[in-house]
């Protein structure tokens, strides 16, 4: 079941896409300050998920604006599963939370290491 989006939904979706773009491509920017911020941002994002019960604050803000509650998984199927629902809706590939976590954390670890190597001038 694809997610139907109104203006608020599209705004949150596009902000998520921008963050995803930064995560996927940020390591490739050859600017020292950018790389330093990136190396801090990725672990901070993971910490934020863990402290927020594996949910993104963008989903929480959308919930708050829609239903005046921070948590609303019964009305927001993307809460704590934005990339998993995007993958399922776009490709039909349905991964469990554990499988998606492995993909996400594996990719983020790779991107973080690429940024570190790039920062040290070895790449």
PDB file of N, CA and C in Angstrom:
ATOM      1  N   UNK A   1       0.843  -1.176   0.000  1.00  0.00           N
ATOM      2  CA  UNK A   1       0.000   0.000   0.000  1.00  0.00           C
ATOM      3  C   UNK A   1       0.892   1.243   0.000  1.00  0.00           C
ATOM      4  N   UNK A   2       0.868   1.986  -1.064  1.00  0.00           N
ATOM      5  CA  UNK A   2       1.690   3.193  -1.167  1.00  0.00           C
ATOM      6  C   UNK A   2       1.143   4.285  -0.251  1.00  0.00           C
ATOM      7  N   UNK A   3       2.039   5.129   0.205  1.00  0.00           N
ATOM      8  CA  UNK A   3       1.660   6.235   1.066  1.00  0.00           C
ATOM      9  C   UNK A   3       1.103   7.365   0.221  1.00  0.00           C
ATOM     10  N   UNK A   4      -0.081   7.859   0.591  1.00  0.00           N
ATOM     11  CA  UNK A   4      -0.650   9.032  -0.072  1.00  0.00           C
ATOM     12  C   UNK A   4      -0.138  10.253   0.675  1.00  0.00           C
ATOM     13  N   UNK A   5       0.258  11.272  -0.071  1.00  0.00           N
ATOM     14  CA  UNK A   5       0.871  12.443   0.551  1.00  0.00           C
ATOM     15  C   UNK A   5       0.115  13.721   0.217  1.00  0.00           C
ATOM     16  N   UNK A   6      -0.118  14.515   1.247  1.00  0.00           N
ATOM     17  CA  UNK A   6      -0.618  15.865   1.061  1.00  0.00           C
ATOM     18  C   UNK A   6       0.587  16.804   1.094  1.00  0.00           C
ATOM     19  N   UNK A   7       0.365  18.113   1.196  1.00  0.00           N
ATOM     20  CA  UNK A   7       1.477  19.077   1.173  1.00  0.00           C
ATOM     21  C   UNK A   7       2.444  18.833   2.324  1.00  0.00           C
ATOM     22  N   UNK A   8       1.942  18.582   3.523  1.00  0.00           N
ATOM     23  CA  UNK A   8       2.809  18.299   4.668  1.00  0.00           C
ATOM     24  C   UNK A   8       3.590  17.010   4.433  1.00  0.00           C
ATOM     25  N   UNK A   9       2.918  15.988   3.943  1.00  0.00           N
ATOM     26  CA  UNK A   9       3.579  14.718   3.655  1.00  0.00           C
ATOM     27  C   UNK A   9       4.674  14.864   2.624  1.00  0.00           C
ATOM     28  N   UNK A  10       4.410  15.636   1.570  1.00  0.00           N
ATOM     29  CA  UNK A  10       5.435  15.855   0.539  1.00  0.00           C
ATOM     30  C   UNK A  10       6.605  16.657   1.081  1.00  0.00           C
ATOM     31  N   UNK A  11       6.327  17.637   1.924  1.00  0.00           N
ATOM     32  CA  UNK A  11       7.410  18.426   2.521  1.00  0.00           C
ATOM     33  C   UNK A  11       8.312  17.531   3.357  1.00  0.00           C
ATOM     34  N   UNK A  12       7.719  16.712   4.218  1.00  0.00           N
ATOM     35  CA  UNK A  12       8.516  15.792   5.048  1.00  0.00           C
ATOM     36  C   UNK A  12       9.269  14.789   4.179  1.00  0.00           C
ATOM     37  N   UNK A  13       8.618  14.292   3.137  1.00  0.00           N
ATOM     38  CA  UNK A  13       9.254  13.344   2.228  1.00  0.00           C
ATOM     39  C   UNK A  13      10.477  13.971   1.554  1.00  0.00           C
ATOM     40  N   UNK A  14      10.341  15.195   1.067  1.00  0.00           N
ATOM     41  CA  UNK A  14      11.450  15.857   0.384  1.00  0.00           C
ATOM     42  C   UNK A  14      12.599  16.178   1.335  1.00  0.00           C
ATOM     43  N   UNK A  15      12.285  16.521   2.587  1.00  0.00           N
ATOM     44  CA  UNK A  15      13.350  16.731   3.571  1.00  0.00           C
ATOM     45  C   UNK A  15      14.070  15.409   3.828  1.00  0.00           C
ATOM     46  N   UNK A  16      13.311  14.311   3.937  1.00  0.00           N
ATOM     47  CA  UNK A  16      13.934  12.990   4.091  1.00  0.00           C
ATOM     48  C   UNK A  16      14.846  12.679   2.898  1.00  0.00           C
ATOM     49  N   UNK A  17      14.386  12.972   1.695  1.00  0.00           N
ATOM     50  CA  UNK A  17      15.189  12.720   0.489  1.00  0.00           C
ATOM     51  C   UNK A  17      16.475  13.541   0.538  1.00  0.00           C
ATOM     52  N   UNK A  18      16.379  14.795   0.966  1.00  0.00           N
ATOM     53  CA  UNK A  18      17.576  15.643   1.060  1.00  0.00           C
ATOM     54  C   UNK A  18      18.570  15.065   2.063  1.00  0.00           C
ATOM     55  N   UNK A  19      18.075  14.605   3.206  1.00  0.00           N
ATOM     56  CA  UNK A  19      18.961  13.999   4.209  1.00  0.00           C
ATOM     57  C   UNK A  19      19.567  12.715   3.648  1.00  0.00           C
ATOM     58  N   UNK A  20      18.763  11.902   2.980  1.00  0.00           N
ATOM     59  CA  UNK A  20      19.270  10.679   2.366  1.00  0.00           C
ATOM     60  C   UNK A  20      20.359  11.005   1.343  1.00  0.00           C
ATOM     61  N   UNK A  21      20.151  12.017   0.535  1.00  0.00           N
ATOM     62  CA  UNK A  21      21.161  12.431  -0.429  1.00  0.00           C
ATOM     63  C   UNK A  21      22.460  12.835   0.252  1.00  0.00           C
ATOM     64  N   UNK A  22      22.352  13.578   1.347  1.00  0.00           N
ATOM     65  CA  UNK A  22      23.537  13.990   2.112  1.00  0.00           C
ATOM     66  C   UNK A  22      24.267  12.769   2.667  1.00  0.00           C
ATOM     67  N   UNK A  23      23.506  11.805   3.192  1.00  0.00           N
ATOM     68  CA  UNK A  23      24.122  10.603   3.759  1.00  0.00           C
ATOM     69  C   UNK A  23      24.822   9.792   2.671  1.00  0.00           C
ATOM     70  N   UNK A  24      24.180   9.623   1.535  1.00  0.00           N
ATOM     71  CA  UNK A  24      24.730   8.775   0.475  1.00  0.00           C
ATOM     72  C   UNK A  24      25.896   9.438  -0.259  1.00  0.00           C
ATOM     73  N   UNK A  25      25.827  10.748  -0.447  1.00  0.00           N
ATOM     74  CA  UNK A  25      26.830  11.426  -1.271  1.00  0.00           C
ATOM     75  C   UNK A  25      27.798  12.317  -0.501  1.00  0.00           C
ATOM     76  N   UNK A  26      27.514  12.580   0.754  1.00  0.00           N
ATOM     77  CA  UNK A  26      28.316  13.529   1.528  1.00  0.00           C
ATOM     78  C   UNK A  26      29.784  13.183   1.613  1.00  0.00           C
ATOM     79  N   UNK A  27      30.120  11.930   1.638  1.00  0.00           N
ATOM     80  CA  UNK A  27      31.517  11.501   1.730  1.00  0.00           C
ATOM     81  C   UNK A  27      32.332  11.910   0.501  1.00  0.00           C
ATOM     82  N   UNK A  28      31.662  12.175  -0.607  1.00  0.00           N
ATOM     83  CA  UNK A  28      32.379  12.440  -1.854  1.00  0.00           C
ATOM     84  C   UNK A  28      32.788  13.900  -2.039  1.00  0.00           C
ATOM     85  N   UNK A  29      32.331  14.780  -1.179  1.00  0.00           N
ATOM     86  CA  UNK A  29      32.656  16.204  -1.313  1.00  0.00           C
ATOM     87  C   UNK A  29      34.065  16.451  -0.758  1.00  0.00           C
ATOM     88  N   UNK A  30      34.983  16.948  -1.574  1.00  0.00           N
ATOM     89  CA  UNK A  30      36.381  17.079  -1.147  1.00  0.00           C
ATOM     90  C   UNK A  30      36.679  18.376  -0.386  1.00  0.00           C
ATOM     91  N   UNK A  31      35.839  18.700   0.575  1.00  0.00           N
ATOM     92  CA  UNK A  31      36.016  19.909   1.380  1.00  0.00           C
ATOM     93  C   UNK A  31      36.163  19.476   2.841  1.00  0.00           C
ATOM     94  N   UNK A  32      37.285  19.850   3.445  1.00  0.00           N
ATOM     95  CA  UNK A  32      37.618  19.390   4.800  1.00  0.00           C
ATOM     96  C   UNK A  32      36.502  19.669   5.812  1.00  0.00           C
ATOM     97  N   UNK A  33      35.990  20.887   5.839  1.00  0.00           N
ATOM     98  CA  UNK A  33      34.938  21.239   6.802  1.00  0.00           C
ATOM     99  C   UNK A  33      33.687  20.406   6.566  1.00  0.00           C
ATOM    100  N   UNK A  34      33.327  20.229   5.317  1.00  0.00           N
ATOM    101  CA  UNK A  34      32.166  19.407   4.953  1.00  0.00           C
ATOM    102  C   UNK A  34      32.354  17.982   5.480  1.00  0.00           C
ATOM    103  N   UNK A  35      33.528  17.411   5.249  1.00  0.00           N
ATOM    104  CA  UNK A  35      33.798  16.040   5.679  1.00  0.00           C
ATOM    105  C   UNK A  35      33.772  15.917   7.207  1.00  0.00           C
ATOM    106  N   UNK A  36      34.317  16.908   7.887  1.00  0.00           N
ATOM    107  CA  UNK A  36      34.276  16.887   9.353  1.00  0.00           C
ATOM    108  C   UNK A  36      32.839  16.918   9.861  1.00  0.00           C
ATOM    109  N   UNK A  37      32.027  17.783   9.285  1.00  0.00           N
ATOM    110  CA  UNK A  37      30.612  17.838   9.678  1.00  0.00           C
ATOM    111  C   UNK A  37      29.909  16.518   9.365  1.00  0.00           C
ATOM    112  N   UNK A  38      30.228  15.949   8.242  1.00  0.00           N
ATOM    113  CA  UNK A  38      29.644  14.664   7.828  1.00  0.00           C
ATOM    114  C   UNK A  38      30.024  13.560   8.816  1.00  0.00           C
ATOM    115  N   UNK A  39      31.291  13.547   9.233  1.00  0.00           N
ATOM    116  CA  UNK A  39      31.763  12.522  10.172  1.00  0.00           C
ATOM    117  C   UNK A  39      31.096  12.650  11.538  1.00  0.00           C
ATOM    118  N   UNK A  40      30.627  13.820  11.880  1.00  0.00           N
ATOM    119  CA  UNK A  40      29.884  14.023  13.126  1.00  0.00           C
ATOM    120  C   UNK A  40      28.395  13.733  12.904  1.00  0.00           C
ATOM    121  N   UNK A  41      27.890  14.140  11.742  1.00  0.00           N
ATOM    122  CA  UNK A  41      26.468  14.011  11.451  1.00  0.00           C
ATOM    123  C   UNK A  41      25.993  12.559  11.452  1.00  0.00           C
ATOM    124  N   UNK A  42      26.712  11.667  10.782  1.00  0.00           N
ATOM    125  CA  UNK A  42      26.241  10.281  10.681  1.00  0.00           C
ATOM    126  C   UNK A  42      26.081   9.615  12.048  1.00  0.00           C
ATOM    127  N   UNK A  43      27.093   9.650  12.933  1.00  0.00           N
ATOM    128  CA  UNK A  43      26.877   9.053  14.256  1.00  0.00           C
ATOM    129  C   UNK A  43      25.793   9.780  15.060  1.00  0.00           C
ATOM    130  N   UNK A  44      25.682  11.098  14.882  1.00  0.00           N
ATOM    131  CA  UNK A  44      24.643  11.850  15.588  1.00  0.00           C
ATOM    132  C   UNK A  44      23.252  11.414  15.124  1.00  0.00           C
ATOM    133  N   UNK A  45      23.120  11.145  13.837  1.00  0.00           N
ATOM    134  CA  UNK A  45      21.832  10.689  13.320  1.00  0.00           C
ATOM    135  C   UNK A  45      21.472   9.320  13.898  1.00  0.00           C
ATOM    136  N   UNK A  46      22.444   8.426  13.963  1.00  0.00           N
ATOM    137  CA  UNK A  46      22.201   7.110  14.550  1.00  0.00           C
ATOM    138  C   UNK A  46      21.845   7.243  16.030  1.00  0.00           C
ATOM    139  N   UNK A  47      22.584   8.059  16.751  1.00  0.00           N
ATOM    140  CA  UNK A  47      22.287   8.288  18.175  1.00  0.00           C
ATOM    141  C   UNK A  47      20.874   8.852  18.341  1.00  0.00           C
ATOM    142  N   UNK A  48      20.511   9.776  17.484  1.00  0.00           N
ATOM    143  CA  UNK A  48      19.165  10.361  17.539  1.00  0.00           C
ATOM    144  C   UNK A  48      18.101   9.285  17.334  1.00  0.00           C
ATOM    145  N   UNK A  49      18.310   8.363  16.393  1.00  0.00           N
ATOM    146  CA  UNK A  49      17.348   7.268  16.205  1.00  0.00           C
ATOM    147  C   UNK A  49      17.254   6.419  17.461  1.00  0.00           C
ATOM    148  N   UNK A  50      18.406   6.055  18.020  1.00  0.00           N
ATOM    149  CA  UNK A  50      18.404   5.178  19.197  1.00  0.00           C
ATOM    150  C   UNK A  50      17.731   5.848  20.396  1.00  0.00           C
ATOM    151  N   UNK A  51      17.995   7.131  20.584  1.00  0.00           N
ATOM    152  CA  UNK A  51      17.378   7.845  21.706  1.00  0.00           C
ATOM    153  C   UNK A  51      15.898   8.113  21.469  1.00  0.00           C
ATOM    154  N   UNK A  52      15.453   8.030  20.232  1.00  0.00           N
ATOM    155  CA  UNK A  52      14.066   8.298  19.863  1.00  0.00           C
ATOM    156  C   UNK A  52      13.336   7.013  19.470  1.00  0.00           C
ATOM    157  N   UNK A  53      13.733   5.906  20.064  1.00  0.00           N
ATOM    158  CA  UNK A  53      13.101   4.594  19.831  1.00  0.00           C
ATOM    159  C   UNK A  53      13.036   4.227  18.351  1.00  0.00           C
ATOM    160  N   UNK A  54      14.178   4.396  17.675  1.00  0.00           N
ATOM    161  CA  UNK A  54      14.337   4.019  16.264  1.00  0.00           C
ATOM    162  C   UNK A  54      13.418   4.773  15.307  1.00  0.00           C
ATOM    163  N   UNK A  55      13.023   5.970  15.700  1.00  0.00           N
ATOM    164  CA  UNK A  55      12.193   6.805  14.831  1.00  0.00           C
ATOM    165  C   UNK A  55      12.934   8.100  14.516  1.00  0.00           C
ATOM    166  N   UNK A  56      12.563   8.691  13.414  1.00  0.00           N
ATOM    167  CA  UNK A  56      13.158   9.948  12.978  1.00  0.00           C
ATOM    168  C   UNK A  56      12.321  11.119  13.493  1.00  0.00           C
ATOM    169  N   UNK A  57      12.989  12.149  13.899  1.00  0.00           N
ATOM    170  CA  UNK A  57      12.285  13.321  14.414  1.00  0.00           C
ATOM    171  C   UNK A  57      11.385  13.952  13.345  1.00  0.00           C
ATOM    172  N   UNK A  58      11.729  13.796  12.075  1.00  0.00           N
ATOM    173  CA  UNK A  58      10.861  14.326  11.019  1.00  0.00           C
ATOM    174  C   UNK A  58       9.492  13.656  11.043  1.00  0.00           C
ATOM    175  N   UNK A  59       9.470  12.341  11.261  1.00  0.00           N
ATOM    176  CA  UNK A  59       8.197  11.642  11.378  1.00  0.00           C
ATOM    177  C   UNK A  59       7.448  12.092  12.633  1.00  0.00           C
ATOM    178  N   UNK A  60       8.192  12.303  13.729  1.00  0.00           N
ATOM    179  CA  UNK A  60       7.556  12.786  14.954  1.00  0.00           C
ATOM    180  C   UNK A  60       6.933  14.165  14.746  1.00  0.00           C
ATOM    181  N   UNK A  61       7.649  15.053  14.071  1.00  0.00           N
ATOM    182  CA  UNK A  61       7.119  16.392  13.810  1.00  0.00           C
ATOM    183  C   UNK A  61       5.879  16.327  12.920  1.00  0.00           C
ATOM    184  N   UNK A  62       5.906  15.466  11.929  1.00  0.00           N
ATOM    185  CA  UNK A  62       4.725  15.295  11.082  1.00  0.00           C
ATOM    186  C   UNK A  62       3.551  14.798  11.916  1.00  0.00           C
ATOM    187  N   UNK A  63       3.805  13.825  12.798  1.00  0.00           N
ATOM    188  CA  UNK A  63       2.750  13.334  13.687  1.00  0.00           C
ATOM    189  C   UNK A  63       2.186  14.473  14.526  1.00  0.00           C
ATOM    190  N   UNK A  64       3.074  15.261  15.104  1.00  0.00           N
ATOM    191  CA  UNK A  64       2.648  16.351  15.977  1.00  0.00           C
ATOM    192  C   UNK A  64       1.759  17.346  15.212  1.00  0.00           C
ATOM    193  N   UNK A  65       2.166  17.667  14.011  1.00  0.00           N
ATOM    194  CA  UNK A  65       1.385  18.613  13.212  1.00  0.00           C
ATOM    195  C   UNK A  65       0.044  18.028  12.766  1.00  0.00           C
ATOM    196  N   UNK A  66      -0.006  16.730  12.583  1.00  0.00           N
ATOM    197  CA  UNK A  66      -1.245  16.088  12.128  1.00  0.00           C
ATOM    198  C   UNK A  66      -2.202  15.741  13.262  1.00  0.00           C
ATOM    199  N   UNK A  67      -1.678  15.095  14.294  1.00  0.00           N
ATOM    200  CA  UNK A  67      -2.566  14.537  15.326  1.00  0.00           C
ATOM    201  C   UNK A  67      -2.223  15.001  16.738  1.00  0.00           C
ATOM    202  N   UNK A  68      -1.321  15.977  16.847  1.00  0.00           N
ATOM    203  CA  UNK A  68      -0.914  16.551  18.144  1.00  0.00           C
ATOM    204  C   UNK A  68      -0.352  15.508  19.103  1.00  0.00           C
ATOM    205  N   UNK A  69       0.307  14.493  18.531  1.00  0.00           N
ATOM    206  CA  UNK A  69       0.999  13.473  19.331  1.00  0.00           C
ATOM    207  C   UNK A  69       2.355  13.216  18.703  1.00  0.00           C
ATOM    208  N   UNK A  70       3.364  12.999  19.559  1.00  0.00           N
ATOM    209  CA  UNK A  70       4.724  12.741  19.094  1.00  0.00           C
ATOM    210  C   UNK A  70       4.830  11.377  18.437  1.00  0.00           C
ATOM    211  N   UNK A  71       4.138  10.410  18.982  1.00  0.00           N
ATOM    212  CA  UNK A  71       4.117   9.041  18.450  1.00  0.00           C
ATOM    213  C   UNK A  71       2.741   8.757  17.881  1.00  0.00           C
ATOM    214  N   UNK A  72       2.705   8.254  16.651  1.00  0.00           N
ATOM    215  CA  UNK A  72       1.425   7.893  16.035  1.00  0.00           C
ATOM    216  C   UNK A  72       1.630   6.834  14.959  1.00  0.00           C
ATOM    217  N   UNK A  73       2.225   5.681  15.331  1.00  0.00           N
ATOM    218  CA  UNK A  73       2.476   4.655  14.301  1.00  0.00           C
ATOM    219  C   UNK A  73       1.186   4.103  13.687  1.00  0.00           C
ATOM    220  N   UNK A  74       0.078   4.238  14.398  1.00  0.00           N
ATOM    221  CA  UNK A  74      -1.184   3.732  13.862  1.00  0.00           C
ATOM    222  C   UNK A  74      -1.709   4.605  12.714  1.00  0.00           C
ATOM    223  N   UNK A  75      -1.247   5.856  12.632  1.00  0.00           N
ATOM    224  CA  UNK A  75      -1.665   6.737  11.530  1.00  0.00           C
ATOM    225  C   UNK A  75      -0.519   7.084  10.589  1.00  0.00           C
ATOM    226  N   UNK A  76       0.711   6.803  10.988  1.00  0.00           N
ATOM    227  CA  UNK A  76       1.874   7.121  10.160  1.00  0.00           C
ATOM    228  C   UNK A  76       2.705   5.859   9.978  1.00  0.00           C
ATOM    229  N   UNK A  77       2.465   5.158   8.882  1.00  0.00           N
ATOM    230  CA  UNK A  77       3.157   3.882   8.652  1.00  0.00           C
ATOM    231  C   UNK A  77       4.649   4.047   8.435  1.00  0.00           C
ATOM    232  N   UNK A  78       5.108   5.279   8.183  1.00  0.00           N
ATOM    233  CA  UNK A  78       6.535   5.529   7.968  1.00  0.00           C
ATOM    234  C   UNK A  78       7.295   5.782   9.269  1.00  0.00           C
ATOM    235  N   UNK A  79       6.599   5.936  10.380  1.00  0.00           N
ATOM    236  CA  UNK A  79       7.282   6.209  11.652  1.00  0.00           C
ATOM    237  C   UNK A  79       8.214   5.047  11.990  1.00  0.00           C
ATOM    238  N   UNK A  80       9.492   5.345  12.044  1.00  0.00           N
ATOM    239  CA  UNK A  80      10.491   4.322  12.336  1.00  0.00           C
ATOM    240  C   UNK A  80      10.775   3.379  11.186  1.00  0.00           C
ATOM    241  N   UNK A  81      10.225   3.688  10.000  1.00  0.00           N
ATOM    242  CA  UNK A  81      10.401   2.779   8.865  1.00  0.00           C
ATOM    243  C   UNK A  81      10.346   3.524   7.538  1.00  0.00           C
ATOM    244  N   UNK A  82      10.822   4.766   7.502  1.00  0.00           N
ATOM    245  CA  UNK A  82      10.688   5.568   6.292  1.00  0.00           C
ATOM    246  C   UNK A  82      11.360   4.907   5.090  1.00  0.00           C
ATOM    247  N   UNK A  83      12.614   4.532   5.215  1.00  0.00           N
ATOM    248  CA  UNK A  83      13.328   3.949   4.081  1.00  0.00           C
ATOM    249  C   UNK A  83      12.772   2.565   3.732  1.00  0.00           C
ATOM    250  N   UNK A  84      12.367   1.815   4.731  1.00  0.00           N
ATOM    251  CA  UNK A  84      11.796   0.484   4.487  1.00  0.00           C
ATOM    252  C   UNK A  84      10.487   0.596   3.707  1.00  0.00           C
ATOM    253  N   UNK A  85       9.631   1.553   4.060  1.00  0.00           N
ATOM    254  CA  UNK A  85       8.378   1.718   3.322  1.00  0.00           C
ATOM    255  C   UNK A  85       8.644   2.276   1.921  1.00  0.00           C
ATOM    256  N   UNK A  86       9.636   3.155   1.798  1.00  0.00           N
ATOM    257  CA  UNK A  86       9.996   3.684   0.478  1.00  0.00           C
ATOM    258  C   UNK A  86      10.467   2.549  -0.431  1.00  0.00           C
ATOM    259  N   UNK A  87      11.308   1.673   0.085  1.00  0.00           N
ATOM    260  CA  UNK A  87      11.797   0.533  -0.682  1.00  0.00           C
ATOM    261  C   UNK A  87      10.646  -0.405  -1.059  1.00  0.00           C
ATOM    262  N   UNK A  88       9.790  -0.703  -0.110  1.00  0.00           N
ATOM    263  CA  UNK A  88       8.668  -1.610  -0.374  1.00  0.00           C
ATOM    264  C   UNK A  88       7.706  -1.019  -1.394  1.00  0.00           C
ATOM    265  N   UNK A  89       7.377   0.265  -1.239  1.00  0.00           N
ATOM    266  CA  UNK A  89       6.440   0.901  -2.168  1.00  0.00           C
ATOM    267  C   UNK A  89       7.041   1.051  -3.564  1.00  0.00           C
ATOM    268  N   UNK A  90       8.335   1.329  -3.637  1.00  0.00           N
ATOM    269  CA  UNK A  90       8.972   1.576  -4.930  1.00  0.00           C
ATOM    270  C   UNK A  90       9.374   0.332  -5.689  1.00  0.00           C
ATOM    271  N   UNK A  91       9.703  -0.735  -4.956  1.00  0.00           N
ATOM    272  CA  UNK A  91      10.235  -1.929  -5.627  1.00  0.00           C
ATOM    273  C   UNK A  91       9.467  -3.212  -5.319  1.00  0.00           C
ATOM    274  N   UNK A  92       8.669  -3.189  -4.261  1.00  0.00           N
ATOM    275  CA  UNK A  92       7.985  -4.407  -3.831  1.00  0.00           C
ATOM    276  C   UNK A  92       8.849  -5.270  -2.923  1.00  0.00           C
ATOM    277  N   UNK A  93      10.092  -4.857  -2.693  1.00  0.00           N
ATOM    278  CA  UNK A  93      10.982  -5.607  -1.804  1.00  0.00           C
ATOM    279  C   UNK A  93      10.621  -5.282  -0.369  1.00  0.00           C
ATOM    280  N   UNK A  94      10.246  -6.296   0.376  1.00  0.00           N
ATOM    281  CA  UNK A  94       9.827  -6.096   1.756  1.00  0.00           C
ATOM    282  C   UNK A  94      10.863  -6.731   2.690  1.00  0.00           C
ATOM    283  N   UNK A  95      11.569  -5.877   3.399  1.00  0.00           N
ATOM    284  CA  UNK A  95      12.575  -6.339   4.347  1.00  0.00           C
ATOM    285  C   UNK A  95      12.041  -6.205   5.764  1.00  0.00           C
ATOM    286  N   UNK A  96      12.487  -7.093   6.634  1.00  0.00           N
ATOM    287  CA  UNK A  96      12.133  -6.967   8.045  1.00  0.00           C
ATOM    288  C   UNK A  96      12.884  -5.777   8.632  1.00  0.00           C
ATOM    289  N   UNK A  97      12.492  -5.371   9.817  1.00  0.00           N
ATOM    290  CA  UNK A  97      13.194  -4.265  10.482  1.00  0.00           C
ATOM    291  C   UNK A  97      14.674  -4.616  10.658  1.00  0.00           C
ATOM    292  N   UNK A  98      14.963  -5.830  11.074  1.00  0.00           N
ATOM    293  CA  UNK A  98      16.355  -6.249  11.264  1.00  0.00           C
ATOM    294  C   UNK A  98      17.150  -6.226   9.962  1.00  0.00           C
ATOM    295  N   UNK A  99      16.552  -6.712   8.892  1.00  0.00           N
ATOM    296  CA  UNK A  99      17.229  -6.687   7.595  1.00  0.00           C
ATOM    297  C   UNK A  99      17.483  -5.257   7.132  1.00  0.00           C
ATOM    298  N   UNK A 100      16.490  -4.393   7.292  1.00  0.00           N
ATOM    299  CA  UNK A 100      16.659  -3.001   6.879  1.00  0.00           C
ATOM    300  C   UNK A 100      17.702  -2.312   7.734  1.00  0.00           C
ATOM    301  N   UNK A 101      17.711  -2.593   9.028  1.00  0.00           N
ATOM    302  CA  UNK A 101      18.736  -2.025   9.907  1.00  0.00           C
ATOM    303  C   UNK A 101      20.128  -2.445   9.452  1.00  0.00           C
ATOM    304  N   UNK A 102      20.282  -3.711   9.071  1.00  0.00           N
ATOM    305  CA  UNK A 102      21.589  -4.190   8.611  1.00  0.00           C
ATOM    306  C   UNK A 102      22.030  -3.437   7.355  1.00  0.00           C
ATOM    307  N   UNK A 103      21.112  -3.223   6.430  1.00  0.00           N
ATOM    308  CA  UNK A 103      21.426  -2.477   5.208  1.00  0.00           C
ATOM    309  C   UNK A 103      21.795  -1.033   5.549  1.00  0.00           C
ATOM    310  N   UNK A 104      20.969  -0.388   6.356  1.00  0.00           N
ATOM    311  CA  UNK A 104      21.189   1.026   6.690  1.00  0.00           C
ATOM    312  C   UNK A 104      22.503   1.210   7.438  1.00  0.00           C
ATOM    313  N   UNK A 105      22.708   0.442   8.509  1.00  0.00           N
ATOM    314  CA  UNK A 105      23.916   0.629   9.312  1.00  0.00           C
ATOM    315  C   UNK A 105      25.168   0.193   8.567  1.00  0.00           C
ATOM    316  N   UNK A 106      25.043  -0.818   7.720  1.00  0.00           N
ATOM    317  CA  UNK A 106      26.179  -1.214   6.889  1.00  0.00           C
ATOM    318  C   UNK A 106      26.562  -0.114   5.905  1.00  0.00           C
ATOM    319  N   UNK A 107      25.559   0.448   5.235  1.00  0.00           N
ATOM    320  CA  UNK A 107      25.819   1.525   4.280  1.00  0.00           C
ATOM    321  C   UNK A 107      26.385   2.752   4.983  1.00  0.00           C
ATOM    322  N   UNK A 108      25.800   3.111   6.115  1.00  0.00           N
ATOM    323  CA  UNK A 108      26.280   4.295   6.829  1.00  0.00           C
ATOM    324  C   UNK A 108      27.706   4.094   7.335  1.00  0.00           C
ATOM    325  N   UNK A 109      28.037   2.894   7.748  1.00  0.00           N
ATOM    326  CA  UNK A 109      29.409   2.610   8.173  1.00  0.00           C
ATOM    327  C   UNK A 109      30.373   2.757   6.998  1.00  0.00           C
ATOM    328  N   UNK A 110      29.971   2.230   5.858  1.00  0.00           N
ATOM    329  CA  UNK A 110      30.801   2.358   4.659  1.00  0.00           C
ATOM    330  C   UNK A 110      30.989   3.829   4.282  1.00  0.00           C
ATOM    331  N   UNK A 111      29.909   4.598   4.262  1.00  0.00           N
ATOM    332  CA  UNK A 111      30.008   6.018   3.909  1.00  0.00           C
ATOM    333  C   UNK A 111      30.880   6.772   4.907  1.00  0.00           C
ATOM    334  N   UNK A 112      30.739   6.455   6.188  1.00  0.00           N
ATOM    335  CA  UNK A 112      31.539   7.117   7.224  1.00  0.00           C
ATOM    336  C   UNK A 112      33.022   6.816   7.010  1.00  0.00           C
ATOM    337  N   UNK A 113      33.326   5.552   6.740  1.00  0.00           N
ATOM    338  CA  UNK A 113      34.725   5.174   6.495  1.00  0.00           C
ATOM    339  C   UNK A 113      35.275   5.830   5.231  1.00  0.00           C
ATOM    340  N   UNK A 114      34.468   5.913   4.194  1.00  0.00           N
ATOM    341  CA  UNK A 114      34.905   6.602   2.975  1.00  0.00           C
ATOM    342  C   UNK A 114      35.217   8.070   3.261  1.00  0.00           C
ATOM    343  N   UNK A 115      34.386   8.712   4.074  1.00  0.00           N
ATOM    344  CA  UNK A 115      34.638  10.110   4.428  1.00  0.00           C
ATOM    345  C   UNK A 115      35.921  10.246   5.239  1.00  0.00           C
ATOM    346  N   UNK A 116      36.132   9.333   6.157  1.00  0.00           N
ATOM    347  CA  UNK A 116      37.356   9.375   6.975  1.00  0.00           C
ATOM    348  C   UNK A 116      38.587   9.197   6.098  1.00  0.00           C
ATOM    349  N   UNK A 117      38.541   8.236   5.199  1.00  0.00           N
ATOM    350  CA  UNK A 117      39.664   8.011   4.292  1.00  0.00           C
ATOM    351  C   UNK A 117      39.884   9.239   3.410  1.00  0.00           C
ATOM    352  N   UNK A 118      38.802   9.813   2.931  1.00  0.00           N
ATOM    353  CA  UNK A 118      38.919  11.008   2.092  1.00  0.00           C
ATOM    354  C   UNK A 118      39.500  12.182   2.881  1.00  0.00           C
ATOM    355  N   UNK A 119      39.089  12.320   4.123  1.00  0.00           N
ATOM    356  CA  UNK A 119      39.585  13.399   4.975  1.00  0.00           C
ATOM    357  C   UNK A 119      41.079  13.253   5.223  1.00  0.00           C
ATOM    358  N   UNK A 120      41.537  12.037   5.400  1.00  0.00           N
ATOM    359  CA  UNK A 120      42.950  11.812   5.670  1.00  0.00           C
ATOM    360  C   UNK A 120      43.813  11.897   4.411  1.00  0.00           C
ATOM    361  N   UNK A 121      43.157  12.078   3.248  1.00  0.00           N
ATOM    362  CA  UNK A 121      43.899  12.274   2.011  1.00  0.00           C
ATOM    363  C   UNK A 121      44.363  11.003   1.341  1.00  0.00           C
ATOM    364  N   UNK A 122      43.838   9.878   1.743  1.00  0.00           N
ATOM    365  CA  UNK A 122      44.259   8.610   1.159  1.00  0.00           C
ATOM    366  C   UNK A 122      43.343   8.182   0.005  1.00  0.00           C
ATOM    367  N   UNK A 123      42.401   9.054  -0.358  1.00  0.00           N
ATOM    368  CA  UNK A 123      41.440   8.691  -1.404  1.00  0.00           C
ATOM    369  C   UNK A 123      41.019   9.915  -2.165  1.00  0.00           C
TER     370      UNK A 123
END
